[in-house]
Amino acid sequence: MLEDLYQKYGEDFPWWEPEDMTPAERQLQREVTAGHPLYGRALRGLARSGARDDVLFTDGEQYVLVHLTWGVGNADYPRFQLFDTAAEAMAAIEREISG
């Protein structure tokens, strides 16, 4: 999924696709509480940023870029961006790293 960005930015590209996304998925479950727009969605992790606590998730239909807080969430946190396609999510990740 991130191959094009890896090629473009090389070692400066801070995202990677861990084999085990369980820790990020569990943290998301802790942070997304009742009242949060992502509450109750079955999201699976795809990739993580080493520069920030951002994680890319999907429910199989949409992509969600979440900034984990590593605390307890509420209706406003964690902050997230929702995308209809993987291409939209990749464009957002590229905008984030290119400033």
PDB file of N, CA and C in Angstrom:
ATOM      1  N   MET A   1       0.810  -1.191   0.000  1.00  0.00           N
ATOM      2  CA  MET A   1       0.000   0.000   0.000  1.00  0.00           C
ATOM      3  C   MET A   1       0.864   1.270   0.000  1.00  0.00           C
ATOM      4  N   LEU A   2       1.948   1.257   0.738  1.00  0.00           N
ATOM      5  CA  LEU A   2       2.797   2.432   0.875  1.00  0.00           C
ATOM      6  C   LEU A   2       3.990   2.430  -0.078  1.00  0.00           C
ATOM      7  N   GLU A   3       4.054   1.466  -0.984  1.00  0.00           N
ATOM      8  CA  GLU A   3       5.231   1.262  -1.821  1.00  0.00           C
ATOM      9  C   GLU A   3       5.655   2.521  -2.583  1.00  0.00           C
ATOM     10  N   ASP A   4       4.700   3.218  -3.197  1.00  0.00           N
ATOM     11  CA  ASP A   4       5.040   4.403  -3.985  1.00  0.00           C
ATOM     12  C   ASP A   4       5.686   5.479  -3.117  1.00  0.00           C
ATOM     13  N   LEU A   5       5.186   5.649  -1.906  1.00  0.00           N
ATOM     14  CA  LEU A   5       5.745   6.659  -1.018  1.00  0.00           C
ATOM     15  C   LEU A   5       7.112   6.231  -0.492  1.00  0.00           C
ATOM     16  N   TYR A   6       7.296   4.927  -0.255  1.00  0.00           N
ATOM     17  CA  TYR A   6       8.619   4.424   0.132  1.00  0.00           C
ATOM     18  C   TYR A   6       9.634   4.769  -0.962  1.00  0.00           C
ATOM     19  N   GLN A   7       9.262   4.510  -2.205  1.00  0.00           N
ATOM     20  CA  GLN A   7      10.171   4.765  -3.324  1.00  0.00           C
ATOM     21  C   GLN A   7      10.461   6.249  -3.470  1.00  0.00           C
ATOM     22  N   LYS A   8       9.466   7.077  -3.283  1.00  0.00           N
ATOM     23  CA  LYS A   8       9.629   8.514  -3.465  1.00  0.00           C
ATOM     24  C   LYS A   8      10.480   9.157  -2.374  1.00  0.00           C
ATOM     25  N   TYR A   9      10.275   8.739  -1.112  1.00  0.00           N
ATOM     26  CA  TYR A   9      10.939   9.403   0.021  1.00  0.00           C
ATOM     27  C   TYR A   9      12.075   8.594   0.632  1.00  0.00           C
ATOM     28  N   GLY A  10      12.195   7.348   0.277  1.00  0.00           N
ATOM     29  CA  GLY A  10      13.278   6.515   0.791  1.00  0.00           C
ATOM     30  C   GLY A  10      13.282   6.424   2.301  1.00  0.00           C
ATOM     31  N   GLU A  11      14.467   6.496   2.895  1.00  0.00           N
ATOM     32  CA  GLU A  11      14.619   6.332   4.335  1.00  0.00           C
ATOM     33  C   GLU A  11      13.978   7.464   5.137  1.00  0.00           C
ATOM     34  N   ASP A  12      13.645   8.568   4.486  1.00  0.00           N
ATOM     35  CA  ASP A  12      12.993   9.680   5.169  1.00  0.00           C
ATOM     36  C   ASP A  12      11.504   9.435   5.386  1.00  0.00           C
ATOM     37  N   PHE A  13      10.969   8.398   4.759  1.00  0.00           N
ATOM     38  CA  PHE A  13       9.548   8.109   4.888  1.00  0.00           C
ATOM     39  C   PHE A  13       9.302   7.403   6.220  1.00  0.00           C
ATOM     40  N   PRO A  14       8.520   8.032   7.137  1.00  0.00           N
ATOM     41  CA  PRO A  14       8.395   7.507   8.496  1.00  0.00           C
ATOM     42  C   PRO A  14       7.325   6.431   8.700  1.00  0.00           C
ATOM     43  N   TRP A  15       6.617   6.047   7.675  1.00  0.00           N
ATOM     44  CA  TRP A  15       5.549   5.050   7.822  1.00  0.00           C
ATOM     45  C   TRP A  15       6.070   3.656   7.534  1.00  0.00           C
ATOM     46  N   TRP A  16       5.459   2.677   8.200  1.00  0.00           N
ATOM     47  CA  TRP A  16       5.771   1.272   7.918  1.00  0.00           C
ATOM     48  C   TRP A  16       4.525   0.442   8.164  1.00  0.00           C
ATOM     49  N   GLU A  17       4.567  -0.792   7.670  1.00  0.00           N
ATOM     50  CA  GLU A  17       3.435  -1.714   7.785  1.00  0.00           C
ATOM     51  C   GLU A  17       3.842  -2.884   8.678  1.00  0.00           C
ATOM     52  N   PRO A  18       3.637  -2.751   9.992  1.00  0.00           N
ATOM     53  CA  PRO A  18       4.006  -3.841  10.900  1.00  0.00           C
ATOM     54  C   PRO A  18       3.198  -5.105  10.613  1.00  0.00           C
ATOM     55  N   GLU A  19       3.819  -6.238  10.864  1.00  0.00           N
ATOM     56  CA  GLU A  19       3.086  -7.500  10.701  1.00  0.00           C
ATOM     57  C   GLU A  19       2.008  -7.642  11.763  1.00  0.00           C
ATOM     58  N   ASP A  20       2.271  -7.110  12.950  1.00  0.00           N
ATOM     59  CA  ASP A  20       1.309  -7.221  14.047  1.00  0.00           C
ATOM     60  C   ASP A  20       0.796  -5.835  14.419  1.00  0.00           C
ATOM     61  N   MET A  21      -0.429  -5.553  14.043  1.00  0.00           N
ATOM     62  CA  MET A  21      -1.049  -4.263  14.356  1.00  0.00           C
ATOM     63  C   MET A  21      -1.899  -4.336  15.622  1.00  0.00           C
ATOM     64  N   THR A  22      -1.850  -5.469  16.315  1.00  0.00           N
ATOM     65  CA  THR A  22      -2.677  -5.663  17.499  1.00  0.00           C
ATOM     66  C   THR A  22      -2.503  -4.563  18.544  1.00  0.00           C
ATOM     67  N   PRO A  23      -1.276  -4.138  18.881  1.00  0.00           N
ATOM     68  CA  PRO A  23      -1.150  -3.079  19.895  1.00  0.00           C
ATOM     69  C   PRO A  23      -1.871  -1.782  19.495  1.00  0.00           C
ATOM     70  N   ALA A  24      -1.759  -1.383  18.254  1.00  0.00           N
ATOM     71  CA  ALA A  24      -2.437  -0.162  17.798  1.00  0.00           C
ATOM     72  C   ALA A  24      -3.949  -0.354  17.789  1.00  0.00           C
ATOM     73  N   GLU A  25      -4.406  -1.522  17.391  1.00  0.00           N
ATOM     74  CA  GLU A  25      -5.844  -1.796  17.383  1.00  0.00           C
ATOM     75  C   GLU A  25      -6.417  -1.787  18.801  1.00  0.00           C
ATOM     76  N   ARG A  26      -5.684  -2.359  19.735  1.00  0.00           N
ATOM     77  CA  ARG A  26      -6.138  -2.346  21.135  1.00  0.00           C
ATOM     78  C   ARG A  26      -6.173  -0.931  21.693  1.00  0.00           C
ATOM     79  N   GLN A  27      -5.148  -0.135  21.355  1.00  0.00           N
ATOM     80  CA  GLN A  27      -5.111   1.239  21.833  1.00  0.00           C
ATOM     81  C   GLN A  27      -6.281   2.031  21.254  1.00  0.00           C
ATOM     82  N   LEU A  28      -6.591   1.806  20.000  1.00  0.00           N
ATOM     83  CA  LEU A  28      -7.740   2.477  19.398  1.00  0.00           C
ATOM     84  C   LEU A  28      -9.014   2.131  20.149  1.00  0.00           C
ATOM     85  N   GLN A  29      -9.178   0.864  20.511  1.00  0.00           N
ATOM     86  CA  GLN A  29     -10.372   0.456  21.264  1.00  0.00           C
ATOM     87  C   GLN A  29     -10.446   1.153  22.609  1.00  0.00           C
ATOM     88  N   ARG A  30      -9.297   1.380  23.260  1.00  0.00           N
ATOM     89  CA  ARG A  30      -9.278   2.096  24.545  1.00  0.00           C
ATOM     90  C   ARG A  30      -9.682   3.555  24.379  1.00  0.00           C
ATOM     91  N   GLU A  31      -9.222   4.141  23.278  1.00  0.00           N
ATOM     92  CA  GLU A  31      -9.429   5.572  23.093  1.00  0.00           C
ATOM     93  C   GLU A  31     -10.790   5.935  22.516  1.00  0.00           C
ATOM     94  N   VAL A  32     -11.362   5.066  21.708  1.00  0.00           N
ATOM     95  CA  VAL A  32     -12.641   5.369  21.068  1.00  0.00           C
ATOM     96  C   VAL A  32     -13.762   4.931  22.012  1.00  0.00           C
ATOM     97  N   THR A  33     -14.307   5.908  22.694  1.00  0.00           N
ATOM     98  CA  THR A  33     -15.347   5.645  23.685  1.00  0.00           C
ATOM     99  C   THR A  33     -16.725   5.974  23.113  1.00  0.00           C
ATOM    100  N   ALA A  34     -17.769   5.597  23.838  1.00  0.00           N
ATOM    101  CA  ALA A  34     -19.139   5.890  23.411  1.00  0.00           C
ATOM    102  C   ALA A  34     -19.263   7.383  23.137  1.00  0.00           C
ATOM    103  N   GLY A  35     -19.903   7.718  22.051  1.00  0.00           N
ATOM    104  CA  GLY A  35     -20.063   9.102  21.659  1.00  0.00           C
ATOM    105  C   GLY A  35     -19.065   9.547  20.600  1.00  0.00           C
ATOM    106  N   HIS A  36     -17.968   8.810  20.460  1.00  0.00           N
ATOM    107  CA  HIS A  36     -16.979   9.135  19.429  1.00  0.00           C
ATOM    108  C   HIS A  36     -17.506   8.606  18.092  1.00  0.00           C
ATOM    109  N   PRO A  37     -17.297   9.335  16.993  1.00  0.00           N
ATOM    110  CA  PRO A  37     -17.812   8.878  15.693  1.00  0.00           C
ATOM    111  C   PRO A  37     -17.295   7.509  15.233  1.00  0.00           C
ATOM    112  N   LEU A  38     -16.138   7.079  15.726  1.00  0.00           N
ATOM    113  CA  LEU A  38     -15.606   5.770  15.335  1.00  0.00           C
ATOM    114  C   LEU A  38     -16.065   4.645  16.261  1.00  0.00           C
ATOM    115  N   TYR A  39     -16.787   4.972  17.298  1.00  0.00           N
ATOM    116  CA  TYR A  39     -17.209   3.968  18.279  1.00  0.00           C
ATOM    117  C   TYR A  39     -18.054   2.885  17.594  1.00  0.00           C
ATOM    118  N   GLY A  40     -17.696   1.644  17.846  1.00  0.00           N
ATOM    119  CA  GLY A  40     -18.449   0.512  17.321  1.00  0.00           C
ATOM    120  C   GLY A  40     -18.020   0.053  15.935  1.00  0.00           C
ATOM    121  N   ARG A  41     -17.111   0.780  15.301  1.00  0.00           N
ATOM    122  CA  ARG A  41     -16.639   0.356  13.975  1.00  0.00           C
ATOM    123  C   ARG A  41     -15.534  -0.680  14.139  1.00  0.00           C
ATOM    124  N   ALA A  42     -15.582  -1.712  13.346  1.00  0.00           N
ATOM    125  CA  ALA A  42     -14.558  -2.765  13.363  1.00  0.00           C
ATOM    126  C   ALA A  42     -13.414  -2.328  12.455  1.00  0.00           C
ATOM    127  N   LEU A  43     -12.387  -1.731  13.058  1.00  0.00           N
ATOM    128  CA  LEU A  43     -11.258  -1.207  12.298  1.00  0.00           C
ATOM    129  C   LEU A  43     -10.029  -2.082  12.496  1.00  0.00           C
ATOM    130  N   ARG A  44      -9.333  -2.346  11.398  1.00  0.00           N
ATOM    131  CA  ARG A  44      -8.114  -3.136  11.442  1.00  0.00           C
ATOM    132  C   ARG A  44      -6.962  -2.257  10.988  1.00  0.00           C
ATOM    133  N   GLY A  45      -5.848  -2.367  11.693  1.00  0.00           N
ATOM    134  CA  GLY A  45      -4.688  -1.550  11.398  1.00  0.00           C
ATOM    135  C   GLY A  45      -3.970  -1.976  10.139  1.00  0.00           C
ATOM    136  N   LEU A  46      -3.470  -0.974   9.407  1.00  0.00           N
ATOM    137  CA  LEU A  46      -2.729  -1.227   8.181  1.00  0.00           C
ATOM    138  C   LEU A  46      -1.284  -0.734   8.259  1.00  0.00           C
ATOM    139  N   ALA A  47      -1.081   0.463   8.846  1.00  0.00           N
ATOM    140  CA  ALA A  47       0.250   1.068   8.853  1.00  0.00           C
ATOM    141  C   ALA A  47       0.363   2.063   9.991  1.00  0.00           C
ATOM    142  N   ARG A  48       1.626   2.368  10.351  1.00  0.00           N
ATOM    143  CA  ARG A  48       1.926   3.300  11.449  1.00  0.00           C
ATOM    144  C   ARG A  48       2.975   4.306  11.034  1.00  0.00           C
ATOM    145  N   SER A  49       2.923   5.453  11.667  1.00  0.00           N
ATOM    146  CA  SER A  49       3.949   6.467  11.459  1.00  0.00           C
ATOM    147  C   SER A  49       4.917   6.448  12.635  1.00  0.00           C
ATOM    148  N   GLY A  50       6.209   6.497  12.331  1.00  0.00           N
ATOM    149  CA  GLY A  50       7.212   6.589  13.375  1.00  0.00           C
ATOM    150  C   GLY A  50       7.473   8.018  13.788  1.00  0.00           C
ATOM    151  N   ALA A  51       6.992   8.975  13.010  1.00  0.00           N
ATOM    152  CA  ALA A  51       7.207  10.383  13.311  1.00  0.00           C
ATOM    153  C   ALA A  51       6.134  10.934  14.246  1.00  0.00           C
ATOM    154  N   ARG A  52       4.957  10.361  14.166  1.00  0.00           N
ATOM    155  CA  ARG A  52       3.829  10.786  14.998  1.00  0.00           C
ATOM    156  C   ARG A  52       3.090   9.526  15.432  1.00  0.00           C
ATOM    157  N   ASP A  53       2.148   9.690  16.292  1.00  0.00           N
ATOM    158  CA  ASP A  53       1.352   8.540  16.727  1.00  0.00           C
ATOM    159  C   ASP A  53       0.139   8.354  15.819  1.00  0.00           C
ATOM    160  N   ASP A  54       0.373   8.413  14.524  1.00  0.00           N
ATOM    161  CA  ASP A  54      -0.690   8.226  13.551  1.00  0.00           C
ATOM    162  C   ASP A  54      -0.717   6.781  13.085  1.00  0.00           C
ATOM    163  N   VAL A  55      -1.925   6.287  12.903  1.00  0.00           N
ATOM    164  CA  VAL A  55      -2.113   4.918  12.442  1.00  0.00           C
ATOM    165  C   VAL A  55      -3.204   4.927  11.379  1.00  0.00           C
ATOM    166  N   LEU A  56      -2.993   4.171  10.318  1.00  0.00           N
ATOM    167  CA  LEU A  56      -3.984   4.021   9.272  1.00  0.00           C
ATOM    168  C   LEU A  56      -4.756   2.735   9.519  1.00  0.00           C
ATOM    169  N   PHE A  57      -6.075   2.867   9.570  1.00  0.00           N
ATOM    170  CA  PHE A  57      -6.978   1.735   9.783  1.00  0.00           C
ATOM    171  C   PHE A  57      -7.946   1.632   8.610  1.00  0.00           C
ATOM    172  N   THR A  58      -8.582   0.489   8.487  1.00  0.00           N
ATOM    173  CA  THR A  58      -9.665   0.315   7.523  1.00  0.00           C
ATOM    174  C   THR A  58     -10.745  -0.572   8.117  1.00  0.00           C
ATOM    175  N   ASP A  59     -11.949  -0.381   7.621  1.00  0.00           N
ATOM    176  CA  ASP A  59     -13.047  -1.289   7.971  1.00  0.00           C
ATOM    177  C   ASP A  59     -13.413  -2.136   6.754  1.00  0.00           C
ATOM    178  N   GLY A  60     -12.577  -2.072   5.721  1.00  0.00           N
ATOM    179  CA  GLY A  60     -12.826  -2.812   4.494  1.00  0.00           C
ATOM    180  C   GLY A  60     -13.539  -1.980   3.448  1.00  0.00           C
ATOM    181  N   GLU A  61     -14.103  -0.857   3.865  1.00  0.00           N
ATOM    182  CA  GLU A  61     -14.787   0.021   2.925  1.00  0.00           C
ATOM    183  C   GLU A  61     -14.169   1.411   2.905  1.00  0.00           C
ATOM    184  N   GLN A  62     -13.815   1.918   4.071  1.00  0.00           N
ATOM    185  CA  GLN A  62     -13.207   3.235   4.187  1.00  0.00           C
ATOM    186  C   GLN A  62     -11.869   3.114   4.903  1.00  0.00           C
ATOM    187  N   TYR A  63     -11.084   4.179   4.814  1.00  0.00           N
ATOM    188  CA  TYR A  63      -9.784   4.250   5.472  1.00  0.00           C
ATOM    189  C   TYR A  63      -9.843   5.375   6.487  1.00  0.00           C
ATOM    190  N   VAL A  64      -9.219   5.139   7.640  1.00  0.00           N
ATOM    191  CA  VAL A  64      -9.268   6.110   8.721  1.00  0.00           C
ATOM    192  C   VAL A  64      -7.849   6.357   9.220  1.00  0.00           C
ATOM    193  N   LEU A  65      -7.442   7.607   9.167  1.00  0.00           N
ATOM    194  CA  LEU A  65      -6.138   8.017   9.683  1.00  0.00           C
ATOM    195  C   LEU A  65      -6.380   8.600  11.064  1.00  0.00           C
ATOM    196  N   VAL A  66      -5.862   7.926  12.102  1.00  0.00           N
ATOM    197  CA  VAL A  66      -6.139   8.291  13.493  1.00  0.00           C
ATOM    198  C   VAL A  66      -4.853   8.742  14.171  1.00  0.00           C
ATOM    199  N   HIS A  67      -4.942   9.840  14.897  1.00  0.00           N
ATOM    200  CA  HIS A  67      -3.820  10.277  15.738  1.00  0.00           C
ATOM    201  C   HIS A  67      -4.102   9.776  17.152  1.00  0.00           C
ATOM    202  N   LEU A  68      -3.442   8.680  17.542  1.00  0.00           N
ATOM    203  CA  LEU A  68      -3.646   8.114  18.875  1.00  0.00           C
ATOM    204  C   LEU A  68      -3.062   9.043  19.934  1.00  0.00           C
ATOM    205  N   THR A  69      -3.745   9.132  21.059  1.00  0.00           N
ATOM    206  CA  THR A  69      -3.294  10.007  22.149  1.00  0.00           C
ATOM    207  C   THR A  69      -2.584   9.224  23.244  1.00  0.00           C
ATOM    208  N   TRP A  70      -2.748   7.904  23.258  1.00  0.00           N
ATOM    209  CA  TRP A  70      -2.212   7.017  24.285  1.00  0.00           C
ATOM    210  C   TRP A  70      -2.770   7.385  25.666  1.00  0.00           C
ATOM    211  N   GLY A  71      -3.981   7.892  25.650  1.00  0.00           N
ATOM    212  CA  GLY A  71      -4.712   8.184  26.877  1.00  0.00           C
ATOM    213  C   GLY A  71      -6.118   7.644  26.727  1.00  0.00           C
ATOM    214  N   VAL A  72      -7.016   8.158  27.514  1.00  0.00           N
ATOM    215  CA  VAL A  72      -8.419   7.771  27.423  1.00  0.00           C
ATOM    216  C   VAL A  72      -9.110   8.783  26.534  1.00  0.00           C
ATOM    217  N   GLY A  73      -9.850   8.317  25.557  1.00  0.00           N
ATOM    218  CA  GLY A  73     -10.511   9.210  24.629  1.00  0.00           C
ATOM    219  C   GLY A  73     -11.828   9.737  25.151  1.00  0.00           C
ATOM    220  N   ASN A  74     -12.451  10.548  24.323  1.00  0.00           N
ATOM    221  CA  ASN A  74     -13.788  11.064  24.601  1.00  0.00           C
ATOM    222  C   ASN A  74     -14.470  11.284  23.259  1.00  0.00           C
ATOM    223  N   ALA A  75     -15.544  12.037  23.223  1.00  0.00           N
ATOM    224  CA  ALA A  75     -16.274  12.218  21.965  1.00  0.00           C
ATOM    225  C   ALA A  75     -15.456  12.964  20.919  1.00  0.00           C
ATOM    226  N   ASP A  76     -14.436  13.730  21.342  1.00  0.00           N
ATOM    227  CA  ASP A  76     -13.625  14.512  20.415  1.00  0.00           C
ATOM    228  C   ASP A  76     -12.266  13.905  20.106  1.00  0.00           C
ATOM    229  N   TYR A  77     -11.787  13.011  20.938  1.00  0.00           N
ATOM    230  CA  TYR A  77     -10.458  12.424  20.761  1.00  0.00           C
ATOM    231  C   TYR A  77     -10.579  10.918  20.785  1.00  0.00           C
ATOM    232  N   PRO A  78      -9.798  10.226  20.002  1.00  0.00           N
ATOM    233  CA  PRO A  78      -8.720  10.735  19.170  1.00  0.00           C
ATOM    234  C   PRO A  78      -9.249  11.406  17.907  1.00  0.00           C
ATOM    235  N   ARG A  79      -8.462  12.354  17.398  1.00  0.00           N
ATOM    236  CA  ARG A  79      -8.784  13.021  16.138  1.00  0.00           C
ATOM    237  C   ARG A  79      -8.545  12.035  14.997  1.00  0.00           C
ATOM    238  N   PHE A  80      -9.312  12.196  13.927  1.00  0.00           N
ATOM    239  CA  PHE A  80      -9.177  11.273  12.799  1.00  0.00           C
ATOM    240  C   PHE A  80      -9.598  11.950  11.508  1.00  0.00           C
ATOM    241  N   GLN A  81      -9.170  11.345  10.403  1.00  0.00           N
ATOM    242  CA  GLN A  81      -9.606  11.746   9.069  1.00  0.00           C
ATOM    243  C   GLN A  81     -10.153  10.495   8.392  1.00  0.00           C
ATOM    244  N   LEU A  82     -11.247  10.642   7.698  1.00  0.00           N
ATOM    245  CA  LEU A  82     -11.916   9.525   7.039  1.00  0.00           C
ATOM    246  C   LEU A  82     -11.769   9.676   5.525  1.00  0.00           C
ATOM    247  N   PHE A  83     -11.452   8.562   4.840  1.00  0.00           N
ATOM    248  CA  PHE A  83     -11.247   8.574   3.394  1.00  0.00           C
ATOM    249  C   PHE A  83     -12.028   7.438   2.757  1.00  0.00           C
ATOM    250  N   ASP A  84     -12.536   7.691   1.559  1.00  0.00           N
ATOM    251  CA  ASP A  84     -13.283   6.662   0.835  1.00  0.00           C
ATOM    252  C   ASP A  84     -12.388   5.711   0.057  1.00  0.00           C
ATOM    253  N   THR A  85     -11.163   6.147  -0.264  1.00  0.00           N
ATOM    254  CA  THR A  85     -10.260   5.294  -1.041  1.00  0.00           C
ATOM    255  C   THR A  85      -8.869   5.275  -0.421  1.00  0.00           C
ATOM    256  N   ALA A  86      -8.126   4.239  -0.750  1.00  0.00           N
ATOM    257  CA  ALA A  86      -6.730   4.146  -0.300  1.00  0.00           C
ATOM    258  C   ALA A  86      -5.914   5.281  -0.900  1.00  0.00           C
ATOM    259  N   ALA A  87      -6.206   5.673  -2.140  1.00  0.00           N
ATOM    260  CA  ALA A  87      -5.467   6.759  -2.789  1.00  0.00           C
ATOM    261  C   ALA A  87      -5.640   8.067  -2.018  1.00  0.00           C
ATOM    262  N   GLU A  88      -6.843   8.331  -1.531  1.00  0.00           N
ATOM    263  CA  GLU A  88      -7.079   9.543  -0.735  1.00  0.00           C
ATOM    264  C   GLU A  88      -6.277   9.499   0.561  1.00  0.00           C
ATOM    265  N   ALA A  89      -6.239   8.336   1.192  1.00  0.00           N
ATOM    266  CA  ALA A  89      -5.478   8.182   2.435  1.00  0.00           C
ATOM    267  C   ALA A  89      -3.985   8.375   2.178  1.00  0.00           C
ATOM    268  N   MET A  90      -3.468   7.818   1.082  1.00  0.00           N
ATOM    269  CA  MET A  90      -2.047   7.969   0.753  1.00  0.00           C
ATOM    270  C   MET A  90      -1.720   9.435   0.467  1.00  0.00           C
ATOM    271  N   ALA A  91      -2.618  10.147  -0.187  1.00  0.00           N
ATOM    272  CA  ALA A  91      -2.399  11.573  -0.462  1.00  0.00           C
ATOM    273  C   ALA A  91      -2.338  12.364   0.839  1.00  0.00           C
ATOM    274  N   ALA A  92      -3.180  12.018   1.795  1.00  0.00           N
ATOM    275  CA  ALA A  92      -3.157  12.705   3.098  1.00  0.00           C
ATOM    276  C   ALA A  92      -1.857  12.420   3.849  1.00  0.00           C
ATOM    277  N   ILE A  93      -1.398  11.187   3.800  1.00  0.00           N
ATOM    278  CA  ILE A  93      -0.126  10.834   4.446  1.00  0.00           C
ATOM    279  C   ILE A  93       1.010  11.603   3.790  1.00  0.00           C
ATOM    280  N   GLU A  94       0.991  11.697   2.474  1.00  0.00           N
ATOM    281  CA  GLU A  94       2.054  12.435   1.788  1.00  0.00           C
ATOM    282  C   GLU A  94       2.005  13.925   2.150  1.00  0.00           C
ATOM    283  N   ARG A  95       0.816  14.501   2.213  1.00  0.00           N
ATOM    284  CA  ARG A  95       0.712  15.916   2.618  1.00  0.00           C
ATOM    285  C   ARG A  95       1.275  16.121   4.010  1.00  0.00           C
ATOM    286  N   GLU A  96       1.000  15.169   4.897  1.00  0.00           N
ATOM    287  CA  GLU A  96       1.477  15.273   6.278  1.00  0.00           C
ATOM    288  C   GLU A  96       3.000  15.278   6.337  1.00  0.00           C
ATOM    289  N   ILE A  97       3.638  14.418   5.571  1.00  0.00           N
ATOM    290  CA  ILE A  97       5.102  14.336   5.691  1.00  0.00           C
ATOM    291  C   ILE A  97       5.820  15.404   4.875  1.00  0.00           C
ATOM    292  N   SER A  98       5.151  15.950   3.860  1.00  0.00           N
ATOM    293  CA  SER A  98       5.826  16.956   3.039  1.00  0.00           C
ATOM    294  C   SER A  98       5.588  18.366   3.565  1.00  0.00           C
ATOM    295  N   GLY A  99       4.778  18.469   4.613  1.00  0.00           N
ATOM    296  CA  GLY A  99       4.566  19.747   5.268  1.00  0.00           C
ATOM    297  C   GLY A  99       3.620  20.587   4.529  1.00  0.00           C
TER     298      GLY A  99
END
